[in-house]
Amino acid sequence: MIEHLGFLAPCTFILLWALSALSDREWKLGINYLSDLGVSKRKAAAIAFNGGCMICGAMFFLYSVWMVSTADDLLTVATFAVGAVMSVFFSLIGAINENKRPYHVYTAYSMFSAAMLFLVLLMCADAVNGRYLLLAITLAGFISVPLSFKVGIGSMPIAETVGAIAIAAVFIVHFA
C-alpha cells in the first residue's frame, strides 16, 4: 500500500481541493488564491482544503520515507529526503492558514521551493536511469511553474493554481 502513496497523495489533494472549491460559492478560480479556501466562511470548504493539504502532506511524507529506506543509491535518497521536507511544508500550509500571516506565506514559498528542488532531483534520476519520457514530462511541469508566475503577474492566483496543478500532474504521472 505504501508504494502507492506517491500517486494517491496528489489525487487526494486534487479531490479535496475540488470539493472545497465546489462548496464555497464565493471562491473564484483565477481571482482567489488556493489558500483562500483554507479560511473560507464555509467551514466544510476550509476543512476540506486544510485537511487535504495535511493528509496529502502526510501521505507523501510516508511515501518519501519509504523511498529513502528502500533506496540503493544516493540520488534517490537525496530526492526523497527533499520530498519529505516538501511534504512537511505542504502539511503546514493546511495547519498554518492565511489567518496566520506572514507564516503562511513563508510556509507556502518554502513548499514551492522544495517542490522545485524535488523536481530537479527527479529529473536527474530520470536522466540517469534512462526514463526519458518521464524526464520530458517532469521538465514540462518544472518549466510551467516559474513560467506561470512570470506570465501570471497580473493574476498571481492563476499562477499559483497552474503551479500547483503542474506539480500534482507530474506526481500523478511519475508515481502511477
Foldseek 3Di string as FASTA:
>chain_A
DLLQLLQVLLVLQVVLLVVLPVVQPVDDQLADASLVQLVGPPVSSNCSNLVSQQVSLVSQLSSLVVQLVPDDDPLSVVLSVLSNVLSVLSNVLSVCGPVNPPVNVVSVVSNLVSLLVSLVSVLVVCVVVVVVVLNVLSVVLSVLQVVLCVVCVVGVRNSNVSNSVSSSVSSNVVSD
